[in-house]
Amino acid sequence: MEPQVGWKQEFLKTQQQIHEATGMAFNRIEHIGSTSINGIKAKPMIDIALGVDDIHHVSVELLKSLKSIQFYRLQVVLENEVVLAKFLDNGKLDTKTHIIHLVEYDGQKWNDFLSFRDQLNNSESLAKEYEALKLSYLLTGNGDMNDYTLYKEEFVKRIVGRTNITDS
C-alpha cells in the first residue's frame, strides 16, 4: 500500500513489452491510476491506458498480441472500454498485477484518465485528498470493486470537471 519507487519502472518495462508485442506507439500506452500519482499509497497494481483508433472495432490480432504477454480480457462490461489484466503467476488468476484500459486514443475516457493523473501529480493537496478518500473506503467499505469505484466517482468527476465520467 505504501508508495513504491518501482511502480514507474514497472510501468516502463510493461510499456516496452506492450510496444514490442503489439507495435503500438509509446504515446498510446500511458501509466494511469493511483500508482501513476507521485507519493500516494496505492494497491500494487499498475493501471495502463491503451489508446486504439476505434473501441468498437478492436482487432483480434491486438487482443492475441496482448494475450501473448499474459494480458487476458476480463468479463467486465464498461461503456467504450475493454479491460484486460495480468495476474500474479500463481495459477489461480486471483491477484491482478496490471490492468489495461483499452479506450479510444484521444477520446473522452483517454483524456479523463490523463487529466486526472496530471492534475493530481501537479497538486500535492489533491493527491493527498484522493489518498485519504481511498484509505477511508478501506476502513468503511465492503471491499466490493463496484462500490469502491462509486465511492471515488464524485471526486474523479470533480477533478476532470464533468458531471458524468462515463459519457463518451
N, C-alpha and C. Protein backbone atom coordinates (compact mmCIF):
# COMPACT_ATOMS: atom_id res chain seq x y z
N MET A 1 0.81 -1.19 0.00
CA MET A 1 0.00 0.00 0.00
C MET A 1 0.86 1.26 0.00
N GLU A 2 2.06 1.19 0.53
CA GLU A 2 2.92 2.38 0.57
C GLU A 2 3.39 2.75 -0.84
N PRO A 3 3.67 4.06 -1.07
CA PRO A 3 4.19 4.45 -2.39
C PRO A 3 5.48 3.70 -2.70
N GLN A 4 5.61 3.26 -3.92
CA GLN A 4 6.78 2.48 -4.32
C GLN A 4 7.52 3.19 -5.45
N VAL A 5 8.82 3.30 -5.30
CA VAL A 5 9.60 3.89 -6.38
C VAL A 5 9.60 2.98 -7.60
N GLY A 6 9.37 1.70 -7.41
CA GLY A 6 9.41 0.74 -8.50
C GLY A 6 8.22 0.77 -9.43
N TRP A 7 7.15 1.48 -9.06
CA TRP A 7 5.96 1.48 -9.91
C TRP A 7 6.24 2.09 -11.28
N LYS A 8 6.97 3.19 -11.32
CA LYS A 8 7.26 3.83 -12.61
C LYS A 8 8.12 2.91 -13.48
N GLN A 9 9.12 2.27 -12.87
CA GLN A 9 9.98 1.35 -13.62
C GLN A 9 9.18 0.15 -14.13
N GLU A 10 8.26 -0.35 -13.31
CA GLU A 10 7.43 -1.47 -13.73
C GLU A 10 6.54 -1.07 -14.90
N PHE A 11 6.00 0.15 -14.84
CA PHE A 11 5.20 0.62 -15.98
C PHE A 11 6.07 0.70 -17.24
N LEU A 12 7.24 1.30 -17.14
CA LEU A 12 8.12 1.46 -18.31
C LEU A 12 8.49 0.10 -18.92
N LYS A 13 8.74 -0.88 -18.06
CA LYS A 13 9.04 -2.24 -18.54
C LYS A 13 7.83 -2.82 -19.27
N THR A 14 6.65 -2.64 -18.69
CA THR A 14 5.43 -3.16 -19.29
C THR A 14 5.09 -2.41 -20.57
N GLN A 15 5.30 -1.10 -20.57
CA GLN A 15 5.08 -0.31 -21.78
C GLN A 15 5.93 -0.84 -22.93
N GLN A 16 7.18 -1.15 -22.65
CA GLN A 16 8.09 -1.71 -23.66
C GLN A 16 7.58 -3.06 -24.15
N GLN A 17 7.12 -3.92 -23.23
CA GLN A 17 6.59 -5.23 -23.62
C GLN A 17 5.36 -5.09 -24.51
N ILE A 18 4.48 -4.18 -24.16
CA ILE A 18 3.26 -3.95 -24.96
C ILE A 18 3.65 -3.44 -26.35
N HIS A 19 4.57 -2.49 -26.38
CA HIS A 19 5.04 -1.95 -27.66
C HIS A 19 5.62 -3.06 -28.54
N GLU A 20 6.48 -3.89 -27.96
CA GLU A 20 7.11 -4.97 -28.73
C GLU A 20 6.09 -6.00 -29.20
N ALA A 21 5.11 -6.32 -28.37
CA ALA A 21 4.12 -7.35 -28.71
C ALA A 21 3.09 -6.85 -29.72
N THR A 22 2.75 -5.56 -29.65
CA THR A 22 1.64 -5.05 -30.46
C THR A 22 2.06 -4.08 -31.56
N GLY A 23 3.24 -3.48 -31.41
CA GLY A 23 3.65 -2.44 -32.35
C GLY A 23 3.01 -1.09 -32.06
N MET A 24 2.25 -1.00 -30.96
CA MET A 24 1.61 0.28 -30.62
C MET A 24 2.66 1.33 -30.28
N ALA A 25 2.37 2.57 -30.67
CA ALA A 25 3.28 3.68 -30.37
C ALA A 25 3.30 3.93 -28.86
N PHE A 26 4.44 4.35 -28.35
CA PHE A 26 4.59 4.60 -26.91
C PHE A 26 3.60 5.64 -26.40
N ASN A 27 3.25 6.64 -27.22
CA ASN A 27 2.34 7.68 -26.76
C ASN A 27 0.89 7.19 -26.65
N ARG A 28 0.64 5.95 -27.04
CA ARG A 28 -0.69 5.35 -26.90
C ARG A 28 -0.72 4.36 -25.72
N ILE A 29 0.36 4.34 -24.94
CA ILE A 29 0.48 3.44 -23.78
C ILE A 29 0.85 4.32 -22.58
N GLU A 30 -0.14 4.66 -21.77
CA GLU A 30 0.07 5.62 -20.69
C GLU A 30 -0.17 4.99 -19.32
N HIS A 31 0.67 5.39 -18.36
CA HIS A 31 0.52 4.96 -16.96
C HIS A 31 -0.55 5.83 -16.32
N ILE A 32 -1.59 5.19 -15.77
CA ILE A 32 -2.67 5.92 -15.11
C ILE A 32 -2.93 5.25 -13.76
N GLY A 33 -3.95 5.72 -13.07
CA GLY A 33 -4.32 5.11 -11.80
C GLY A 33 -3.42 5.58 -10.66
N SER A 34 -3.69 5.06 -9.49
CA SER A 34 -3.01 5.52 -8.28
C SER A 34 -1.50 5.33 -8.31
N THR A 35 -1.01 4.27 -8.96
CA THR A 35 0.44 4.06 -8.98
C THR A 35 1.15 5.07 -9.88
N SER A 36 0.39 5.83 -10.68
CA SER A 36 0.99 6.86 -11.52
C SER A 36 1.04 8.22 -10.82
N ILE A 37 0.48 8.28 -9.61
CA ILE A 37 0.42 9.54 -8.87
C ILE A 37 1.53 9.55 -7.82
N ASN A 38 2.37 10.54 -7.90
CA ASN A 38 3.56 10.61 -7.05
C ASN A 38 3.21 10.69 -5.57
N GLY A 39 3.83 9.80 -4.78
CA GLY A 39 3.81 9.91 -3.33
C GLY A 39 2.56 9.49 -2.61
N ILE A 40 1.61 8.83 -3.29
CA ILE A 40 0.43 8.38 -2.55
C ILE A 40 0.43 6.86 -2.40
N LYS A 41 -0.29 6.41 -1.38
CA LYS A 41 -0.44 4.97 -1.16
C LYS A 41 -1.38 4.42 -2.22
N ALA A 42 -1.10 3.20 -2.66
CA ALA A 42 -1.93 2.58 -3.69
C ALA A 42 -1.78 1.07 -3.61
N LYS A 43 -2.81 0.38 -4.14
CA LYS A 43 -2.69 -1.07 -4.28
C LYS A 43 -1.58 -1.32 -5.29
N PRO A 44 -0.79 -2.38 -5.11
CA PRO A 44 0.32 -2.65 -6.05
C PRO A 44 -0.20 -3.22 -7.37
N MET A 45 -0.93 -2.38 -8.11
CA MET A 45 -1.49 -2.79 -9.38
C MET A 45 -1.26 -1.64 -10.36
N ILE A 46 -0.60 -1.93 -11.47
CA ILE A 46 -0.28 -0.91 -12.46
C ILE A 46 -1.45 -0.79 -13.44
N ASP A 47 -2.05 0.41 -13.50
CA ASP A 47 -3.12 0.68 -14.47
C ASP A 47 -2.52 1.35 -15.69
N ILE A 48 -2.95 0.88 -16.85
CA ILE A 48 -2.41 1.36 -18.13
C ILE A 48 -3.57 1.70 -19.05
N ALA A 49 -3.53 2.90 -19.64
CA ALA A 49 -4.49 3.25 -20.70
C ALA A 49 -3.81 2.91 -22.02
N LEU A 50 -4.53 2.15 -22.84
CA LEU A 50 -4.05 1.81 -24.19
C LEU A 50 -5.00 2.45 -25.17
N GLY A 51 -4.49 3.33 -26.01
CA GLY A 51 -5.34 4.05 -26.95
C GLY A 51 -5.43 3.39 -28.31
N VAL A 52 -6.67 3.04 -28.70
CA VAL A 52 -6.92 2.44 -30.02
C VAL A 52 -7.72 3.43 -30.87
N ASP A 53 -7.74 3.19 -32.18
CA ASP A 53 -8.47 4.10 -33.08
C ASP A 53 -9.97 4.00 -32.91
N ASP A 54 -10.49 2.78 -32.73
CA ASP A 54 -11.93 2.59 -32.65
C ASP A 54 -12.23 1.47 -31.65
N ILE A 55 -12.79 1.83 -30.50
CA ILE A 55 -13.04 0.85 -29.44
C ILE A 55 -14.08 -0.19 -29.86
N HIS A 56 -14.89 0.14 -30.85
CA HIS A 56 -15.92 -0.80 -31.31
C HIS A 56 -15.40 -1.78 -32.35
N HIS A 57 -14.17 -1.59 -32.79
CA HIS A 57 -13.56 -2.49 -33.76
C HIS A 57 -12.12 -2.80 -33.35
N VAL A 58 -11.97 -3.37 -32.15
CA VAL A 58 -10.64 -3.76 -31.66
C VAL A 58 -10.26 -5.05 -32.38
N SER A 59 -9.08 -5.05 -32.95
CA SER A 59 -8.68 -6.21 -33.76
C SER A 59 -8.39 -7.43 -32.88
N VAL A 60 -8.73 -8.58 -33.43
CA VAL A 60 -8.42 -9.85 -32.77
C VAL A 60 -6.92 -9.98 -32.62
N GLU A 61 -6.17 -9.47 -33.61
CA GLU A 61 -4.70 -9.53 -33.55
C GLU A 61 -4.17 -8.78 -32.33
N LEU A 62 -4.74 -7.61 -32.04
CA LEU A 62 -4.29 -6.84 -30.88
C LEU A 62 -4.54 -7.64 -29.60
N LEU A 63 -5.73 -8.21 -29.47
CA LEU A 63 -6.04 -8.99 -28.26
C LEU A 63 -5.14 -10.22 -28.15
N LYS A 64 -4.85 -10.87 -29.29
CA LYS A 64 -3.93 -12.02 -29.27
C LYS A 64 -2.52 -11.59 -28.88
N SER A 65 -2.09 -10.44 -29.39
CA SER A 65 -0.75 -9.93 -29.04
C SER A 65 -0.65 -9.64 -27.55
N LEU A 66 -1.71 -9.07 -26.99
CA LEU A 66 -1.71 -8.79 -25.55
C LEU A 66 -1.76 -10.09 -24.75
N LYS A 67 -2.50 -11.07 -25.24
CA LYS A 67 -2.56 -12.37 -24.56
C LYS A 67 -1.18 -13.04 -24.58
N SER A 68 -0.41 -12.80 -25.64
CA SER A 68 0.92 -13.41 -25.73
C SER A 68 1.86 -12.92 -24.63
N ILE A 69 1.54 -11.75 -24.03
CA ILE A 69 2.34 -11.25 -22.90
C ILE A 69 1.50 -11.31 -21.60
N GLN A 70 0.59 -12.28 -21.56
CA GLN A 70 -0.21 -12.64 -20.39
C GLN A 70 -1.24 -11.60 -19.95
N PHE A 71 -1.77 -10.79 -20.88
CA PHE A 71 -2.90 -9.91 -20.57
C PHE A 71 -4.16 -10.58 -21.09
N TYR A 72 -5.08 -10.86 -20.18
CA TYR A 72 -6.31 -11.58 -20.51
C TYR A 72 -7.51 -10.66 -20.39
N ARG A 73 -8.39 -10.74 -21.38
CA ARG A 73 -9.58 -9.91 -21.36
C ARG A 73 -10.49 -10.34 -20.20
N LEU A 74 -10.97 -9.35 -19.46
CA LEU A 74 -11.88 -9.62 -18.35
C LEU A 74 -13.32 -9.51 -18.83
N GLN A 75 -14.20 -10.20 -18.14
CA GLN A 75 -15.62 -10.16 -18.49
C GLN A 75 -16.30 -8.98 -17.80
N VAL A 76 -15.66 -7.83 -17.89
CA VAL A 76 -16.18 -6.60 -17.32
C VAL A 76 -16.82 -5.83 -18.46
N VAL A 77 -18.04 -5.38 -18.26
CA VAL A 77 -18.72 -4.62 -19.30
C VAL A 77 -18.73 -3.15 -18.92
N LEU A 78 -17.96 -2.36 -19.65
CA LEU A 78 -17.91 -0.92 -19.45
C LEU A 78 -18.16 -0.24 -20.79
N GLU A 79 -18.82 0.90 -20.74
CA GLU A 79 -19.10 1.63 -21.96
C GLU A 79 -17.80 2.17 -22.56
N ASN A 80 -17.59 1.90 -23.84
CA ASN A 80 -16.43 2.41 -24.59
C ASN A 80 -15.10 2.06 -23.97
N GLU A 81 -15.00 0.85 -23.41
CA GLU A 81 -13.75 0.41 -22.78
C GLU A 81 -13.71 -1.11 -22.76
N VAL A 82 -12.52 -1.65 -23.02
CA VAL A 82 -12.26 -3.09 -22.88
C VAL A 82 -11.19 -3.21 -21.80
N VAL A 83 -11.39 -4.13 -20.86
CA VAL A 83 -10.47 -4.26 -19.74
C VAL A 83 -9.75 -5.60 -19.82
N LEU A 84 -8.43 -5.55 -19.68
CA LEU A 84 -7.61 -6.74 -19.65
C LEU A 84 -6.77 -6.70 -18.38
N ALA A 85 -6.31 -7.87 -17.94
CA ALA A 85 -5.48 -7.91 -16.74
C ALA A 85 -4.39 -8.95 -16.86
N LYS A 86 -3.32 -8.69 -16.14
CA LYS A 86 -2.22 -9.65 -15.96
C LYS A 86 -2.29 -10.04 -14.49
N PHE A 87 -2.04 -11.30 -14.21
CA PHE A 87 -2.19 -11.82 -12.85
C PHE A 87 -0.87 -12.30 -12.29
N LEU A 88 -0.81 -12.33 -10.96
CA LEU A 88 0.32 -12.93 -10.26
C LEU A 88 0.42 -14.36 -10.74
N ASP A 89 1.59 -14.83 -10.99
CA ASP A 89 1.76 -16.16 -11.57
C ASP A 89 1.57 -17.24 -10.51
N ASN A 90 0.33 -17.39 -10.05
CA ASN A 90 0.06 -18.41 -9.04
C ASN A 90 -0.93 -19.46 -9.54
N GLY A 91 -1.30 -19.35 -10.82
CA GLY A 91 -2.19 -20.34 -11.41
C GLY A 91 -3.65 -20.17 -11.05
N LYS A 92 -3.96 -19.30 -10.07
CA LYS A 92 -5.35 -19.14 -9.63
C LYS A 92 -6.04 -17.96 -10.32
N LEU A 93 -5.28 -17.08 -10.95
CA LEU A 93 -5.82 -15.88 -11.58
C LEU A 93 -6.67 -15.07 -10.61
N ASP A 94 -6.19 -14.93 -9.37
CA ASP A 94 -6.96 -14.18 -8.38
C ASP A 94 -6.32 -12.85 -7.99
N THR A 95 -5.05 -12.66 -8.27
CA THR A 95 -4.37 -11.43 -7.88
C THR A 95 -3.90 -10.69 -9.12
N LYS A 96 -4.58 -9.59 -9.44
CA LYS A 96 -4.20 -8.79 -10.61
C LYS A 96 -2.98 -7.95 -10.27
N THR A 97 -2.03 -7.90 -11.19
CA THR A 97 -0.85 -7.07 -11.00
C THR A 97 -0.84 -5.88 -11.96
N HIS A 98 -1.52 -6.02 -13.09
CA HIS A 98 -1.59 -4.97 -14.11
C HIS A 98 -3.00 -4.97 -14.71
N ILE A 99 -3.51 -3.79 -15.00
CA ILE A 99 -4.81 -3.66 -15.66
C ILE A 99 -4.60 -2.78 -16.90
N ILE A 100 -5.14 -3.23 -18.02
CA ILE A 100 -5.15 -2.40 -19.24
C ILE A 100 -6.58 -1.92 -19.46
N HIS A 101 -6.70 -0.61 -19.64
CA HIS A 101 -7.97 0.01 -20.01
C HIS A 101 -7.83 0.38 -21.49
N LEU A 102 -8.42 -0.44 -22.34
CA LEU A 102 -8.38 -0.20 -23.79
C LEU A 102 -9.49 0.80 -24.10
N VAL A 103 -9.11 1.99 -24.55
CA VAL A 103 -10.07 3.07 -24.84
C VAL A 103 -9.65 3.75 -26.14
N GLU A 104 -10.53 4.61 -26.66
CA GLU A 104 -10.19 5.32 -27.88
C GLU A 104 -9.14 6.38 -27.58
N TYR A 105 -8.08 6.35 -28.41
CA TYR A 105 -6.99 7.31 -28.27
C TYR A 105 -7.54 8.72 -28.47
N ASP A 106 -7.25 9.59 -27.54
CA ASP A 106 -7.66 10.99 -27.56
C ASP A 106 -9.18 11.14 -27.46
N GLY A 107 -9.88 10.08 -27.03
CA GLY A 107 -11.31 10.16 -26.77
C GLY A 107 -11.56 10.64 -25.35
N GLN A 108 -12.83 10.69 -24.96
CA GLN A 108 -13.19 11.24 -23.65
C GLN A 108 -12.55 10.47 -22.49
N LYS A 109 -12.64 9.13 -22.51
CA LYS A 109 -12.05 8.36 -21.40
C LYS A 109 -10.54 8.53 -21.35
N TRP A 110 -9.90 8.48 -22.52
CA TRP A 110 -8.44 8.68 -22.60
C TRP A 110 -8.08 10.02 -21.95
N ASN A 111 -8.77 11.08 -22.38
CA ASN A 111 -8.46 12.42 -21.88
C ASN A 111 -8.76 12.54 -20.39
N ASP A 112 -9.85 11.90 -19.93
CA ASP A 112 -10.16 11.94 -18.50
C ASP A 112 -9.08 11.23 -17.67
N PHE A 113 -8.65 10.06 -18.13
CA PHE A 113 -7.60 9.33 -17.42
C PHE A 113 -6.34 10.19 -17.26
N LEU A 114 -5.90 10.79 -18.37
CA LEU A 114 -4.66 11.57 -18.34
C LEU A 114 -4.83 12.88 -17.57
N SER A 115 -5.99 13.51 -17.71
CA SER A 115 -6.25 14.75 -16.98
C SER A 115 -6.24 14.51 -15.48
N PHE A 116 -6.89 13.44 -15.05
CA PHE A 116 -6.94 13.11 -13.63
C PHE A 116 -5.53 12.88 -13.08
N ARG A 117 -4.77 12.04 -13.77
CA ARG A 117 -3.39 11.76 -13.34
C ARG A 117 -2.56 13.04 -13.28
N ASP A 118 -2.63 13.83 -14.33
CA ASP A 118 -1.79 15.03 -14.41
C ASP A 118 -2.17 16.07 -13.36
N GLN A 119 -3.47 16.24 -13.13
CA GLN A 119 -3.90 17.21 -12.11
C GLN A 119 -3.46 16.79 -10.71
N LEU A 120 -3.56 15.49 -10.41
CA LEU A 120 -3.13 15.04 -9.09
C LEU A 120 -1.62 15.11 -8.94
N ASN A 121 -0.89 14.85 -10.01
CA ASN A 121 0.56 14.97 -9.94
C ASN A 121 1.02 16.42 -9.84
N ASN A 122 0.17 17.35 -10.26
CA ASN A 122 0.51 18.77 -10.19
C ASN A 122 -0.01 19.44 -8.92
N SER A 123 -0.72 18.70 -8.08
CA SER A 123 -1.27 19.26 -6.85
C SER A 123 -1.14 18.26 -5.72
N GLU A 124 -0.18 18.50 -4.84
CA GLU A 124 0.02 17.59 -3.71
C GLU A 124 -1.23 17.52 -2.84
N SER A 125 -1.94 18.64 -2.70
CA SER A 125 -3.14 18.63 -1.85
C SER A 125 -4.24 17.76 -2.47
N LEU A 126 -4.43 17.82 -3.79
CA LEU A 126 -5.42 16.94 -4.44
C LEU A 126 -5.00 15.48 -4.32
N ALA A 127 -3.72 15.22 -4.50
CA ALA A 127 -3.22 13.84 -4.39
C ALA A 127 -3.47 13.29 -2.98
N LYS A 128 -3.19 14.10 -1.97
CA LYS A 128 -3.40 13.66 -0.58
C LYS A 128 -4.90 13.51 -0.27
N GLU A 129 -5.73 14.37 -0.85
CA GLU A 129 -7.18 14.26 -0.66
C GLU A 129 -7.69 12.94 -1.27
N TYR A 130 -7.17 12.60 -2.44
CA TYR A 130 -7.56 11.35 -3.10
C TYR A 130 -7.08 10.15 -2.28
N GLU A 131 -5.85 10.22 -1.79
CA GLU A 131 -5.32 9.15 -0.96
C GLU A 131 -6.18 8.96 0.29
N ALA A 132 -6.57 10.04 0.93
CA ALA A 132 -7.40 9.97 2.13
C ALA A 132 -8.76 9.35 1.81
N LEU A 133 -9.33 9.72 0.67
CA LEU A 133 -10.61 9.16 0.25
C LEU A 133 -10.51 7.65 0.07
N LYS A 134 -9.46 7.21 -0.60
CA LYS A 134 -9.25 5.78 -0.83
C LYS A 134 -9.04 5.04 0.49
N LEU A 135 -8.25 5.61 1.38
CA LEU A 135 -7.99 4.97 2.67
C LEU A 135 -9.26 4.90 3.51
N SER A 136 -10.11 5.92 3.44
CA SER A 136 -11.35 5.89 4.21
C SER A 136 -12.27 4.78 3.72
N TYR A 137 -12.23 4.48 2.42
CA TYR A 137 -13.04 3.37 1.91
C TYR A 137 -12.53 2.05 2.48
N LEU A 138 -11.22 1.91 2.56
CA LEU A 138 -10.66 0.67 3.12
C LEU A 138 -11.15 0.43 4.54
N LEU A 139 -11.33 1.51 5.29
CA LEU A 139 -11.77 1.40 6.68
C LEU A 139 -13.27 1.17 6.80
N THR A 140 -14.05 1.70 5.85
CA THR A 140 -15.51 1.66 5.99
C THR A 140 -16.20 0.82 4.93
N GLY A 141 -15.54 0.57 3.80
CA GLY A 141 -16.19 -0.11 2.69
C GLY A 141 -16.26 -1.62 2.86
N ASN A 142 -16.95 -2.25 1.92
CA ASN A 142 -17.16 -3.69 2.00
C ASN A 142 -16.20 -4.49 1.11
N GLY A 143 -15.28 -3.80 0.43
CA GLY A 143 -14.31 -4.50 -0.40
C GLY A 143 -14.78 -4.79 -1.81
N ASP A 144 -16.02 -4.46 -2.13
CA ASP A 144 -16.56 -4.69 -3.47
C ASP A 144 -16.01 -3.64 -4.44
N MET A 145 -15.47 -4.11 -5.59
CA MET A 145 -14.84 -3.18 -6.54
C MET A 145 -15.84 -2.18 -7.11
N ASN A 146 -17.08 -2.59 -7.36
CA ASN A 146 -18.08 -1.65 -7.88
C ASN A 146 -18.39 -0.56 -6.86
N ASP A 147 -18.54 -0.95 -5.60
CA ASP A 147 -18.78 0.03 -4.54
C ASP A 147 -17.58 0.98 -4.41
N TYR A 148 -16.39 0.43 -4.52
CA TYR A 148 -15.17 1.23 -4.42
C TYR A 148 -15.13 2.28 -5.53
N THR A 149 -15.46 1.86 -6.75
CA THR A 149 -15.47 2.77 -7.90
C THR A 149 -16.50 3.88 -7.69
N LEU A 150 -17.69 3.51 -7.25
CA LEU A 150 -18.73 4.51 -6.99
C LEU A 150 -18.32 5.47 -5.89
N TYR A 151 -17.63 4.94 -4.87
CA TYR A 151 -17.17 5.74 -3.75
C TYR A 151 -16.22 6.85 -4.21
N LYS A 152 -15.37 6.54 -5.19
CA LYS A 152 -14.39 7.51 -5.70
C LYS A 152 -14.95 8.41 -6.79
N GLU A 153 -16.09 8.03 -7.36
CA GLU A 153 -16.59 8.67 -8.58
C GLU A 153 -16.80 10.18 -8.46
N GLU A 154 -17.41 10.65 -7.37
CA GLU A 154 -17.66 12.09 -7.24
C GLU A 154 -16.37 12.89 -7.26
N PHE A 155 -15.36 12.38 -6.57
CA PHE A 155 -14.05 13.06 -6.55
C PHE A 155 -13.48 13.10 -7.97
N VAL A 156 -13.50 11.97 -8.65
CA VAL A 156 -12.95 11.90 -10.01
C VAL A 156 -13.70 12.86 -10.93
N LYS A 157 -15.02 12.87 -10.85
CA LYS A 157 -15.82 13.77 -11.68
C LYS A 157 -15.45 15.23 -11.44
N ARG A 158 -15.26 15.57 -10.17
CA ARG A 158 -14.90 16.95 -9.83
C ARG A 158 -13.56 17.33 -10.44
N ILE A 159 -12.60 16.41 -10.40
CA ILE A 159 -11.26 16.70 -10.92
C ILE A 159 -11.27 16.86 -12.43
N VAL A 160 -11.98 15.97 -13.12
CA VAL A 160 -11.99 16.07 -14.59
C VAL A 160 -13.02 17.08 -15.08
N GLY A 161 -13.79 17.65 -14.13
CA GLY A 161 -14.69 18.73 -14.48
C GLY A 161 -15.90 18.32 -15.28
N ARG A 162 -16.39 17.13 -15.01
CA ARG A 162 -17.56 16.65 -15.75
C ARG A 162 -18.56 16.06 -14.78
N THR A 163 -19.82 16.07 -15.18
CA THR A 163 -20.84 15.52 -14.30
C THR A 163 -21.02 14.03 -14.47
N ASN A 164 -20.69 13.50 -15.64
CA ASN A 164 -20.85 12.05 -15.85
C ASN A 164 -19.61 11.51 -16.54
N ILE A 165 -18.74 10.90 -15.75
CA ILE A 165 -17.45 10.43 -16.28
C ILE A 165 -17.61 9.30 -17.30
N THR A 166 -18.75 8.64 -17.31
CA THR A 166 -18.92 7.54 -18.28
C THR A 166 -19.44 8.03 -19.62
N ASP A 167 -19.71 9.33 -19.76
CA ASP A 167 -20.11 9.84 -21.07
C ASP A 167 -18.99 9.66 -22.06
N SER A 168 -19.37 9.50 -23.33
CA SER A 168 -18.32 9.38 -24.34
C SER A 168 -18.36 10.55 -25.28
